[in-house]
Amino acid sequence: MEHIPSMEALGAAQADLAGLEFVAAGAFKAVFKASIAGRTEAVKVIYIPPEAEQDNPRHEIMARVRREIDALRLCRTKCLVSLGSLKLQAVSIGGRDYLIYSEEFLSGESVKSRIEGRHRPQAAEVLLLAHSLLEALREIERIGHIHRDVKPANVIALDTAQRPFVLLDLGIAFKLHGADLTARGGGPPGTLLYMAPELFRPDYKEALDIRSDIYSAGVTLFEYAAGVHPLARTGEEAYTTVYRILRQAPPKLGSLRQDLPERLCQAIDRSIKKMPALRYRNPQAFLNELEALR
């Protein structure tokens, strides 16, 4: 992407970054792996467009970055990625403006990659993923936020007893009862396949609460356990997928994974009910249900 700086340009602008390696890029953000004072960290570089680029206002992008950092700073759980040592700063590289900061570097495989590799988790592993996601959401709820982009690509499997799965990317996290930072005229931010049905309504802003995140976590759990998305079909148009999300009942997880405990399947099925009132009211209620399976 033309607005993403090269490693050479980034290294020249930030002399304290050693051993730079490109990791990934998307939209206005790129991630690099680097050594900072001997510690390997993930350096996030966010492009801030000129005022003339009205589709992505500068103030909104900058506000989202600051909101993500503020939220991570307040959270106290190993199930969420933590901030690194490079504090948020504005820099100019090649005549373009950027915000740069760092997070811990997590060396692991994404849940999305595992699904694509046809990994078939057993009940204990599905439970670990569920507990990790819900603990992260419980902490996000505690500070008055919702995540809004829980999905397999944003979950890293570390395969350690202390941190089996870690949720990433609070870049579109939303502070409930706070200022409206959604782009004027745009729809709700998120990833279509994991967005709760209520977010497709015109008044979605009034429906935002933690139960939308519980839905996204439930779809992630279903897809991880079953190996297929509960509603989406490969190659179909977006409007068809949206119709399924709004109108079509997903299959029961137990019909696809008869070897998993029935109560676990039922709990995941409940989390992806179309009506928020039929889901768990909060992450703790979902966790309480799962405790009986331990």
C-alpha atoms as a PDB file:
ATOM      1  CA  MET A   1       0.000   0.000   0.000  1.00  0.00           C
ATOM      2  CA  GLU A   2       1.402   3.319  -1.060  1.00  0.00           C
ATOM      3  CA  HIS A   3       0.705   5.101   2.226  1.00  0.00           C
ATOM      4  CA  ILE A   4       2.509   2.460   4.309  1.00  0.00           C
ATOM      5  CA  PRO A   5       6.140   3.469   4.901  1.00  0.00           C
ATOM      6  CA  SER A   6       8.958   1.170   3.886  1.00  0.00           C
ATOM      7  CA  MET A   7      11.045  -0.473   6.592  1.00  0.00           C
ATOM      8  CA  GLU A   8      13.982   1.701   5.571  1.00  0.00           C
ATOM      9  CA  ALA A   9      11.958   4.917   5.905  1.00  0.00           C
ATOM     10  CA  LEU A  10      10.445   3.813   9.221  1.00  0.00           C
ATOM     11  CA  GLY A  11      13.858   2.847  10.595  1.00  0.00           C
ATOM     12  CA  ALA A  12      15.298   6.194   9.565  1.00  0.00           C
ATOM     13  CA  ALA A  13      12.464   8.041  11.324  1.00  0.00           C
ATOM     14  CA  GLN A  14      12.611   5.859  14.452  1.00  0.00           C
ATOM     15  CA  ALA A  15      16.232   5.106  15.274  1.00  0.00           C
ATOM     16  CA  ASP A  16      15.311   3.079  18.373  1.00  0.00           C
ATOM     17  CA  LEU A  17      13.690   0.364  16.235  1.00  0.00           C
ATOM     18  CA  ALA A  18      16.079  -2.459  15.364  1.00  0.00           C
ATOM     19  CA  GLY A  19      15.630  -5.515  13.162  1.00  0.00           C
ATOM     20  CA  LEU A  20      12.444  -4.279  11.534  1.00  0.00           C
ATOM     21  CA  GLU A  21      10.267  -6.878   9.804  1.00  0.00           C
ATOM     22  CA  PHE A  22       6.966  -6.284   8.022  1.00  0.00           C
ATOM     23  CA  VAL A  23       4.109  -8.341   9.495  1.00  0.00           C
ATOM     24  CA  ALA A  24       0.798  -7.207   8.011  1.00  0.00           C
ATOM     25  CA  ALA A  25      -1.168  -4.249   6.678  1.00  0.00           C
ATOM     26  CA  GLY A  26      -4.792  -3.331   6.198  1.00  0.00           C
ATOM     27  CA  ALA A  27      -6.760  -0.149   5.565  1.00  0.00           C
ATOM     28  CA  PHE A  28      -4.746   2.624   7.246  1.00  0.00           C
ATOM     29  CA  LYS A  29      -2.620   0.467   9.550  1.00  0.00           C
ATOM     30  CA  ALA A  30       0.554  -1.559   9.202  1.00  0.00           C
ATOM     31  CA  VAL A  31       2.263  -3.750  11.772  1.00  0.00           C
ATOM     32  CA  PHE A  32       6.001  -4.304  11.977  1.00  0.00           C
ATOM     33  CA  LYS A  33       8.047  -6.564  14.217  1.00  0.00           C
ATOM     34  CA  ALA A  34      10.985  -4.775  15.830  1.00  0.00           C
ATOM     35  CA  SER A  35      13.397  -4.929  18.705  1.00  0.00           C
ATOM     36  CA  ILE A  36      13.077  -2.019  21.144  1.00  0.00           C
ATOM     37  CA  ALA A  37      15.760  -1.879  23.833  1.00  0.00           C
ATOM     38  CA  GLY A  38      16.329  -5.609  23.375  1.00  0.00           C
ATOM     39  CA  ARG A  39      12.643  -6.553  23.578  1.00  0.00           C
ATOM     40  CA  THR A  40      10.677  -7.808  20.572  1.00  0.00           C
ATOM     41  CA  GLU A  41       7.488  -5.799  20.093  1.00  0.00           C
ATOM     42  CA  ALA A  42       4.790  -5.194  17.495  1.00  0.00           C
ATOM     43  CA  VAL A  43       5.032  -1.645  16.148  1.00  0.00           C
ATOM     44  CA  LYS A  44       1.758  -0.223  14.847  1.00  0.00           C
ATOM     45  CA  VAL A  45       1.968   2.489  12.192  1.00  0.00           C
ATOM     46  CA  ILE A  46      -1.300   4.289  11.412  1.00  0.00           C
ATOM     47  CA  TYR A  47      -1.569   6.582   8.401  1.00  0.00           C
ATOM     48  CA  ILE A  48      -3.341   9.889   9.059  1.00  0.00           C
ATOM     49  CA  PRO A  49      -4.756  11.179   5.758  1.00  0.00           C
ATOM     50  CA  PRO A  50      -4.898  14.855   4.795  1.00  0.00           C
ATOM     51  CA  GLU A  51      -8.033  16.801   5.619  1.00  0.00           C
ATOM     52  CA  ALA A  52      -9.025  16.654   1.948  1.00  0.00           C
ATOM     53  CA  GLU A  53      -9.654  12.881   2.194  1.00  0.00           C
ATOM     54  CA  GLN A  54     -13.183  13.164   3.589  1.00  0.00           C
ATOM     55  CA  ASP A  55     -13.974   9.448   3.447  1.00  0.00           C
ATOM     56  CA  ASN A  56     -11.668   8.862   6.409  1.00  0.00           C
ATOM     57  CA  PRO A  57     -11.475  12.044   8.498  1.00  0.00           C
ATOM     58  CA  ARG A  58      -8.241  12.623  10.372  1.00  0.00           C
ATOM     59  CA  HIS A  59      -9.995  13.309  13.644  1.00  0.00           C
ATOM     60  CA  GLU A  60     -11.843   9.980  13.539  1.00  0.00           C
ATOM     61  CA  ILE A  61      -8.755   7.884  12.845  1.00  0.00           C
ATOM     62  CA  MET A  62      -6.758   9.685  15.526  1.00  0.00           C
ATOM     63  CA  ALA A  63      -9.595   9.329  18.020  1.00  0.00           C
ATOM     64  CA  ARG A  64      -9.843   5.599  17.372  1.00  0.00           C
ATOM     65  CA  VAL A  65      -6.131   5.095  17.952  1.00  0.00           C
ATOM     66  CA  ARG A  66      -6.225   7.021  21.201  1.00  0.00           C
ATOM     67  CA  ARG A  67      -9.337   5.154  22.309  1.00  0.00           C
ATOM     68  CA  GLU A  68      -7.653   1.794  21.639  1.00  0.00           C
ATOM     69  CA  ILE A  69      -4.586   2.768  23.666  1.00  0.00           C
ATOM     70  CA  ASP A  70      -6.658   4.187  26.517  1.00  0.00           C
ATOM     71  CA  ALA A  71      -8.752   1.027  26.670  1.00  0.00           C
ATOM     72  CA  LEU A  72      -5.732  -1.292  26.679  1.00  0.00           C
ATOM     73  CA  ARG A  73      -4.121   0.790  29.395  1.00  0.00           C
ATOM     74  CA  LEU A  74      -7.176   0.339  31.632  1.00  0.00           C
ATOM     75  CA  CYS A  75      -7.653  -3.400  31.033  1.00  0.00           C
ATOM     76  CA  ARG A  76      -6.128  -5.916  33.438  1.00  0.00           C
ATOM     77  CA  THR A  77      -6.217  -9.352  31.854  1.00  0.00           C
ATOM     78  CA  LYS A  78      -3.754 -11.634  30.090  1.00  0.00           C
ATOM     79  CA  CYS A  79      -6.501 -12.490  27.601  1.00  0.00           C
ATOM     80  CA  LEU A  80      -5.997  -9.131  25.871  1.00  0.00           C
ATOM     81  CA  VAL A  81      -2.872  -7.915  24.106  1.00  0.00           C
ATOM     82  CA  SER A  82      -0.894  -5.435  26.219  1.00  0.00           C
ATOM     83  CA  LEU A  83       0.797  -2.176  25.310  1.00  0.00           C
ATOM     84  CA  GLY A  84       4.496  -2.091  24.517  1.00  0.00           C
ATOM     85  CA  SER A  85       7.231   0.337  25.476  1.00  0.00           C
ATOM     86  CA  LEU A  86       6.927   2.729  22.510  1.00  0.00           C
ATOM     87  CA  LYS A  87       4.504   5.472  23.543  1.00  0.00           C
ATOM     88  CA  LEU A  88       2.066   7.010  21.079  1.00  0.00           C
ATOM     89  CA  GLN A  89       3.700   9.675  18.973  1.00  0.00           C
ATOM     90  CA  ALA A  90       3.024  11.567  15.764  1.00  0.00           C
ATOM     91  CA  VAL A  91       5.695  11.426  13.067  1.00  0.00           C
ATOM     92  CA  SER A  92       6.101  12.548   9.474  1.00  0.00           C
ATOM     93  CA  ILE A  93       7.664  10.098   7.013  1.00  0.00           C
ATOM     94  CA  GLY A  94       8.070  10.941   3.353  1.00  0.00           C
ATOM     95  CA  GLY A  95       5.691  13.871   3.647  1.00  0.00           C
ATOM     96  CA  ARG A  96       2.918  11.750   5.186  1.00  0.00           C
ATOM     97  CA  ASP A  97       1.616  11.877   8.755  1.00  0.00           C
ATOM     98  CA  TYR A  98       1.491   8.816  11.013  1.00  0.00           C
ATOM     99  CA  LEU A  99       0.761   7.768  14.556  1.00  0.00           C
ATOM    100  CA  ILE A 100       3.144   5.148  15.923  1.00  0.00           C
ATOM    101  CA  TYR A 101       3.113   3.052  19.090  1.00  0.00           C
ATOM    102  CA  SER A 102       3.886  -0.516  20.114  1.00  0.00           C
ATOM    103  CA  GLU A 103       2.214  -3.536  21.656  1.00  0.00           C
ATOM    104  CA  GLU A 104       3.666  -6.787  22.885  1.00  0.00           C
ATOM    105  CA  PHE A 105       4.609  -9.128  20.046  1.00  0.00           C
ATOM    106  CA  LEU A 106       2.693 -12.401  20.222  1.00  0.00           C
ATOM    107  CA  SER A 107       4.250 -15.288  18.349  1.00  0.00           C
ATOM    108  CA  GLY A 108       1.424 -17.669  17.602  1.00  0.00           C
ATOM    109  CA  GLU A 109      -1.142 -18.823  15.083  1.00  0.00           C
ATOM    110  CA  SER A 110      -4.429 -17.029  14.571  1.00  0.00           C
ATOM    111  CA  VAL A 111      -7.669 -18.886  15.157  1.00  0.00           C
ATOM    112  CA  LYS A 112      -8.554 -18.014  11.561  1.00  0.00           C
ATOM    113  CA  SER A 113      -5.440 -19.816  10.340  1.00  0.00           C
ATOM    114  CA  ARG A 114      -6.338 -22.868  12.407  1.00  0.00           C
ATOM    115  CA  ILE A 115      -9.826 -22.941  10.943  1.00  0.00           C
ATOM    116  CA  GLU A 116      -8.435 -22.663   7.423  1.00  0.00           C
ATOM    117  CA  GLY A 117      -6.045 -25.506   8.243  1.00  0.00           C
ATOM    118  CA  ARG A 118      -9.032 -27.689   9.190  1.00  0.00           C
ATOM    119  CA  HIS A 119      -7.966 -27.957  12.805  1.00  0.00           C
ATOM    120  CA  ARG A 120     -10.543 -29.929  14.802  1.00  0.00           C
ATOM    121  CA  PRO A 121     -10.406 -28.861  18.463  1.00  0.00           C
ATOM    122  CA  GLN A 122     -11.590 -31.086  21.264  1.00  0.00           C
ATOM    123  CA  ALA A 123     -13.975 -29.889  23.966  1.00  0.00           C
ATOM    124  CA  ALA A 124     -11.226 -28.757  26.347  1.00  0.00           C
ATOM    125  CA  GLU A 125      -9.722 -26.504  23.672  1.00  0.00           C
ATOM    126  CA  VAL A 126     -13.085 -24.992  22.731  1.00  0.00           C
ATOM    127  CA  LEU A 127     -13.644 -24.260  26.413  1.00  0.00           C
ATOM    128  CA  LEU A 128     -10.248 -22.586  26.683  1.00  0.00           C
ATOM    129  CA  LEU A 129     -11.073 -20.346  23.736  1.00  0.00           C
ATOM    130  CA  ALA A 130     -14.475 -19.532  25.233  1.00  0.00           C
ATOM    131  CA  HIS A 131     -13.008 -18.643  28.628  1.00  0.00           C
ATOM    132  CA  SER A 132     -10.289 -16.501  27.033  1.00  0.00           C
ATOM    133  CA  LEU A 133     -12.721 -14.546  24.866  1.00  0.00           C
ATOM    134  CA  LEU A 134     -15.228 -14.042  27.655  1.00  0.00           C
ATOM    135  CA  GLU A 135     -12.622 -12.983  30.181  1.00  0.00           C
ATOM    136  CA  ALA A 136     -11.363 -10.416  27.667  1.00  0.00           C
ATOM    137  CA  LEU A 137     -14.919  -9.190  27.034  1.00  0.00           C
ATOM    138  CA  ARG A 138     -15.650  -9.053  30.751  1.00  0.00           C
ATOM    139  CA  GLU A 139     -12.688  -6.739  31.203  1.00  0.00           C
ATOM    140  CA  ILE A 140     -13.676  -4.612  28.216  1.00  0.00           C
ATOM    141  CA  GLU A 141     -17.182  -4.351  29.661  1.00  0.00           C
ATOM    142  CA  ARG A 142     -15.753  -3.390  33.064  1.00  0.00           C
ATOM    143  CA  ILE A 143     -14.163  -0.260  31.603  1.00  0.00           C
ATOM    144  CA  GLY A 144     -17.372   0.667  29.802  1.00  0.00           C
ATOM    145  CA  HIS A 145     -16.402  -0.370  26.273  1.00  0.00           C
ATOM    146  CA  ILE A 146     -17.393  -2.914  23.648  1.00  0.00           C
ATOM    147  CA  HIS A 147     -14.877  -4.443  21.252  1.00  0.00           C
ATOM    148  CA  ARG A 148     -16.940  -4.537  18.005  1.00  0.00           C
ATOM    149  CA  ASP A 149     -14.503  -6.708  16.028  1.00  0.00           C
ATOM    150  CA  VAL A 150     -14.234 -10.086  17.749  1.00  0.00           C
ATOM    151  CA  LYS A 151     -13.405 -12.610  15.022  1.00  0.00           C
ATOM    152  CA  PRO A 152     -11.009 -15.529  14.383  1.00  0.00           C
ATOM    153  CA  ALA A 153      -8.416 -13.266  12.706  1.00  0.00           C
ATOM    154  CA  ASN A 154      -8.198 -11.174  15.890  1.00  0.00           C
ATOM    155  CA  VAL A 155      -7.484 -14.094  18.214  1.00  0.00           C
ATOM    156  CA  ILE A 156      -3.996 -15.577  18.617  1.00  0.00           C
ATOM    157  CA  ALA A 157      -3.424 -19.091  19.935  1.00  0.00           C
ATOM    158  CA  LEU A 158      -0.312 -19.154  22.128  1.00  0.00           C
ATOM    159  CA  ASP A 159      -0.616 -22.736  23.422  1.00  0.00           C
ATOM    160  CA  THR A 160       0.494 -21.844  26.941  1.00  0.00           C
ATOM    161  CA  ALA A 161      -1.452 -22.736  30.055  1.00  0.00           C
ATOM    162  CA  GLN A 162      -1.344 -19.148  31.318  1.00  0.00           C
ATOM    163  CA  ARG A 163      -2.412 -17.577  28.015  1.00  0.00           C
ATOM    164  CA  PRO A 164      -3.948 -20.127  25.638  1.00  0.00           C
ATOM    165  CA  PHE A 165      -5.687 -17.484  23.501  1.00  0.00           C
ATOM    166  CA  VAL A 166      -5.320 -13.702  23.327  1.00  0.00           C
ATOM    167  CA  LEU A 167      -7.742 -11.206  21.801  1.00  0.00           C
ATOM    168  CA  LEU A 168      -6.203  -8.448  19.678  1.00  0.00           C
ATOM    169  CA  ASP A 169      -7.109  -5.142  18.060  1.00  0.00           C
ATOM    170  CA  LEU A 170      -9.291  -2.717  19.957  1.00  0.00           C
ATOM    171  CA  GLY A 171      -8.997  -0.322  17.043  1.00  0.00           C
ATOM    172  CA  ILE A 172     -12.755   0.071  16.680  1.00  0.00           C
ATOM    173  CA  ALA A 173     -13.628  -0.423  20.347  1.00  0.00           C
ATOM    174  CA  PHE A 174     -16.449   1.859  21.400  1.00  0.00           C
ATOM    175  CA  LYS A 175     -16.966   3.620  24.718  1.00  0.00           C
ATOM    176  CA  LEU A 176     -20.580   3.200  25.683  1.00  0.00           C
ATOM    177  CA  HIS A 177     -22.335   6.451  26.547  1.00  0.00           C
ATOM    178  CA  GLY A 178     -19.352   8.345  25.120  1.00  0.00           C
ATOM    179  CA  ALA A 179     -18.863  10.561  22.082  1.00  0.00           C
ATOM    180  CA  ASP A 180     -20.033   9.286  18.713  1.00  0.00           C
ATOM    181  CA  LEU A 181     -16.928   8.546  16.655  1.00  0.00           C
ATOM    182  CA  THR A 182     -18.516   6.634  13.814  1.00  0.00           C
ATOM    183  CA  ALA A 183     -17.919   8.201  10.421  1.00  0.00           C
ATOM    184  CA  ARG A 184     -20.771  10.451   9.309  1.00  0.00           C
ATOM    185  CA  GLY A 185     -23.019   8.640   6.881  1.00  0.00           C
ATOM    186  CA  GLY A 186     -21.226   5.316   7.362  1.00  0.00           C
ATOM    187  CA  GLY A 187     -22.567   2.047   8.710  1.00  0.00           C
ATOM    188  CA  PRO A 188     -21.472   0.296  11.871  1.00  0.00           C
ATOM    189  CA  PRO A 189     -17.777  -0.632  11.877  1.00  0.00           C
ATOM    190  CA  GLY A 190     -16.903  -4.282  12.160  1.00  0.00           C
ATOM    191  CA  THR A 191     -16.459  -7.403  10.038  1.00  0.00           C
ATOM    192  CA  LEU A 192     -19.703  -8.405   8.321  1.00  0.00           C
ATOM    193  CA  LEU A 193     -19.446 -12.156   8.979  1.00  0.00           C
ATOM    194  CA  TYR A 194     -19.221 -11.612  12.742  1.00  0.00           C
ATOM    195  CA  MET A 195     -21.585  -8.675  13.212  1.00  0.00           C
ATOM    196  CA  ALA A 196     -24.688  -9.219  15.328  1.00  0.00           C
ATOM    197  CA  PRO A 197     -28.058  -8.869  13.551  1.00  0.00           C
ATOM    198  CA  GLU A 198     -29.039  -5.738  15.479  1.00  0.00           C
ATOM    199  CA  LEU A 199     -26.050  -3.877  14.028  1.00  0.00           C
ATOM    200  CA  PHE A 200     -27.658  -3.900  10.583  1.00  0.00           C
ATOM    201  CA  ARG A 201     -30.606  -1.840  11.799  1.00  0.00           C
ATOM    202  CA  PRO A 202     -30.773   1.901  11.054  1.00  0.00           C
ATOM    203  CA  ASP A 203     -30.841   2.616  14.802  1.00  0.00           C
ATOM    204  CA  TYR A 204     -27.930   0.291  15.556  1.00  0.00           C
ATOM    205  CA  LYS A 205     -26.204   2.907  17.746  1.00  0.00           C
ATOM    206  CA  GLU A 206     -29.018   2.587  20.246  1.00  0.00           C
ATOM    207  CA  ALA A 207     -28.621  -1.208  20.302  1.00  0.00           C
ATOM    208  CA  LEU A 208     -24.897  -1.285  21.029  1.00  0.00           C
ATOM    209  CA  ASP A 209     -24.024  -3.222  24.162  1.00  0.00           C
ATOM    210  CA  ILE A 210     -21.854  -6.132  25.237  1.00  0.00           C
ATOM    211  CA  ARG A 211     -24.350  -8.667  23.863  1.00  0.00           C
ATOM    212  CA  SER A 212     -23.215  -7.737  20.345  1.00  0.00           C
ATOM    213  CA  ASP A 213     -19.688  -8.793  21.317  1.00  0.00           C
ATOM    214  CA  ILE A 214     -21.079 -11.991  22.854  1.00  0.00           C
ATOM    215  CA  TYR A 215     -22.681 -12.771  19.479  1.00  0.00           C
ATOM    216  CA  SER A 216     -19.351 -12.225  17.673  1.00  0.00           C
ATOM    217  CA  ALA A 217     -17.550 -14.417  20.213  1.00  0.00           C
ATOM    218  CA  GLY A 218     -20.229 -17.080  19.760  1.00  0.00           C
ATOM    219  CA  VAL A 219     -19.838 -17.106  15.980  1.00  0.00           C
ATOM    220  CA  THR A 220     -16.061 -17.371  16.446  1.00  0.00           C
ATOM    221  CA  LEU A 221     -16.516 -20.307  18.837  1.00  0.00           C
ATOM    222  CA  PHE A 222     -18.994 -22.022  16.518  1.00  0.00           C
ATOM    223  CA  GLU A 223     -16.696 -21.661  13.511  1.00  0.00           C
ATOM    224  CA  TYR A 224     -13.679 -22.897  15.472  1.00  0.00           C
ATOM    225  CA  ALA A 225     -15.544 -25.933  16.782  1.00  0.00           C
ATOM    226  CA  ALA A 226     -17.402 -26.835  13.580  1.00  0.00           C
ATOM    227  CA  GLY A 227     -14.853 -25.713  10.998  1.00  0.00           C
ATOM    228  CA  VAL A 228     -17.545 -23.778   9.132  1.00  0.00           C
ATOM    229  CA  HIS A 229     -19.277 -20.454   9.676  1.00  0.00           C
ATOM    230  CA  PRO A 230     -22.803 -20.932  11.039  1.00  0.00           C
ATOM    231  CA  LEU A 231     -24.418 -18.750   8.367  1.00  0.00           C
ATOM    232  CA  ALA A 232     -22.059 -17.564   5.626  1.00  0.00           C
ATOM    233  CA  ARG A 233     -21.389 -19.567   2.481  1.00  0.00           C
ATOM    234  CA  THR A 234     -18.234 -19.394   0.383  1.00  0.00           C
ATOM    235  CA  GLY A 235     -18.531 -17.170  -2.656  1.00  0.00           C
ATOM    236  CA  GLU A 236     -21.958 -15.702  -1.944  1.00  0.00           C
ATOM    237  CA  GLU A 237     -22.753 -12.002  -2.245  1.00  0.00           C
ATOM    238  CA  ALA A 238     -22.597  -9.842   0.870  1.00  0.00           C
ATOM    239  CA  TYR A 239     -26.329  -9.059   0.759  1.00  0.00           C
ATOM    240  CA  THR A 240     -27.106 -12.794   0.822  1.00  0.00           C
ATOM    241  CA  THR A 241     -24.933 -13.244   3.889  1.00  0.00           C
ATOM    242  CA  VAL A 242     -26.642 -10.298   5.576  1.00  0.00           C
ATOM    243  CA  TYR A 243     -30.023 -11.895   4.802  1.00  0.00           C
ATOM    244  CA  ARG A 244     -28.888 -15.117   6.448  1.00  0.00           C
ATOM    245  CA  ILE A 245     -27.632 -13.232   9.510  1.00  0.00           C
ATOM    246  CA  LEU A 246     -30.954 -11.417   9.827  1.00  0.00           C
ATOM    247  CA  ARG A 247     -33.412 -14.136   8.855  1.00  0.00           C
ATOM    248  CA  GLN A 248     -31.987 -17.640   8.740  1.00  0.00           C
ATOM    249  CA  ALA A 249     -31.552 -19.821  11.802  1.00  0.00           C
ATOM    250  CA  PRO A 250     -28.050 -21.316  12.064  1.00  0.00           C
ATOM    251  CA  PRO A 251     -27.660 -25.084  12.449  1.00  0.00           C
ATOM    252  CA  LYS A 252     -27.256 -26.455  15.930  1.00  0.00           C
ATOM    253  CA  LEU A 253     -23.579 -26.898  16.760  1.00  0.00           C
ATOM    254  CA  GLY A 254     -24.354 -30.333  18.189  1.00  0.00           C
ATOM    255  CA  SER A 255     -25.531 -31.495  14.752  1.00  0.00           C
ATOM    256  CA  LEU A 256     -22.036 -30.791  13.375  1.00  0.00           C
ATOM    257  CA  ARG A 257     -19.995 -31.861  16.417  1.00  0.00           C
ATOM    258  CA  GLN A 258     -21.855 -34.707  18.073  1.00  0.00           C
ATOM    259  CA  ASP A 259     -18.715 -35.574  20.031  1.00  0.00           C
ATOM    260  CA  LEU A 260     -18.784 -32.309  22.001  1.00  0.00           C
ATOM    261  CA  PRO A 261     -20.707 -32.010  25.284  1.00  0.00           C
ATOM    262  CA  GLU A 262     -24.331 -31.122  24.606  1.00  0.00           C
ATOM    263  CA  ARG A 263     -24.315 -28.353  27.202  1.00  0.00           C
ATOM    264  CA  LEU A 264     -21.288 -26.686  25.584  1.00  0.00           C
ATOM    265  CA  CYS A 265     -22.972 -26.769  22.173  1.00  0.00           C
ATOM    266  CA  GLN A 266     -26.173 -25.360  23.630  1.00  0.00           C
ATOM    267  CA  ALA A 267     -24.281 -22.525  25.323  1.00  0.00           C
ATOM    268  CA  ILE A 268     -22.618 -21.524  22.044  1.00  0.00           C
ATOM    269  CA  ASP A 269     -25.937 -21.823  20.217  1.00  0.00           C
ATOM    270  CA  ARG A 270     -27.538 -19.469  22.735  1.00  0.00           C
ATOM    271  CA  SER A 271     -24.795 -16.882  22.277  1.00  0.00           C
ATOM    272  CA  ILE A 272     -25.678 -16.454  18.586  1.00  0.00           C
ATOM    273  CA  LYS A 273     -29.422 -15.980  18.978  1.00  0.00           C
ATOM    274  CA  LYS A 274     -30.702 -13.236  16.695  1.00  0.00           C
ATOM    275  CA  MET A 275     -32.454 -11.332  19.484  1.00  0.00           C
ATOM    276  CA  PRO A 276     -30.012  -9.864  22.044  1.00  0.00           C
ATOM    277  CA  ALA A 277     -32.463 -10.602  24.871  1.00  0.00           C
ATOM    278  CA  LEU A 278     -32.150 -14.332  24.158  1.00  0.00           C
ATOM    279  CA  ARG A 279     -28.349 -14.327  24.474  1.00  0.00           C
ATOM    280  CA  TYR A 280     -26.367 -14.172  27.705  1.00  0.00           C
ATOM    281  CA  ARG A 281     -26.827 -10.735  29.253  1.00  0.00           C
ATOM    282  CA  ASN A 282     -23.083 -10.318  29.823  1.00  0.00           C
ATOM    283  CA  PRO A 283     -19.785 -12.276  29.636  1.00  0.00           C
ATOM    284  CA  GLN A 284     -20.013 -13.327  33.276  1.00  0.00           C
ATOM    285  CA  ALA A 285     -23.376 -15.021  32.736  1.00  0.00           C
ATOM    286  CA  PHE A 286     -21.861 -16.973  29.823  1.00  0.00           C
ATOM    287  CA  LEU A 287     -18.829 -17.873  31.962  1.00  0.00           C
ATOM    288  CA  ASN A 288     -21.102 -19.087  34.750  1.00  0.00           C
ATOM    289  CA  GLU A 289     -22.756 -21.469  32.292  1.00  0.00           C
ATOM    290  CA  LEU A 290     -19.397 -22.798  31.158  1.00  0.00           C
ATOM    291  CA  GLU A 291     -18.145 -23.341  34.722  1.00  0.00           C
ATOM    292  CA  ALA A 292     -20.547 -26.255  35.032  1.00  0.00           C
ATOM    293  CA  LEU A 293     -18.616 -27.992  32.253  1.00  0.00           C
ATOM    294  CA  ARG A 294     -15.265 -27.938  34.028  1.00  0.00           C
END
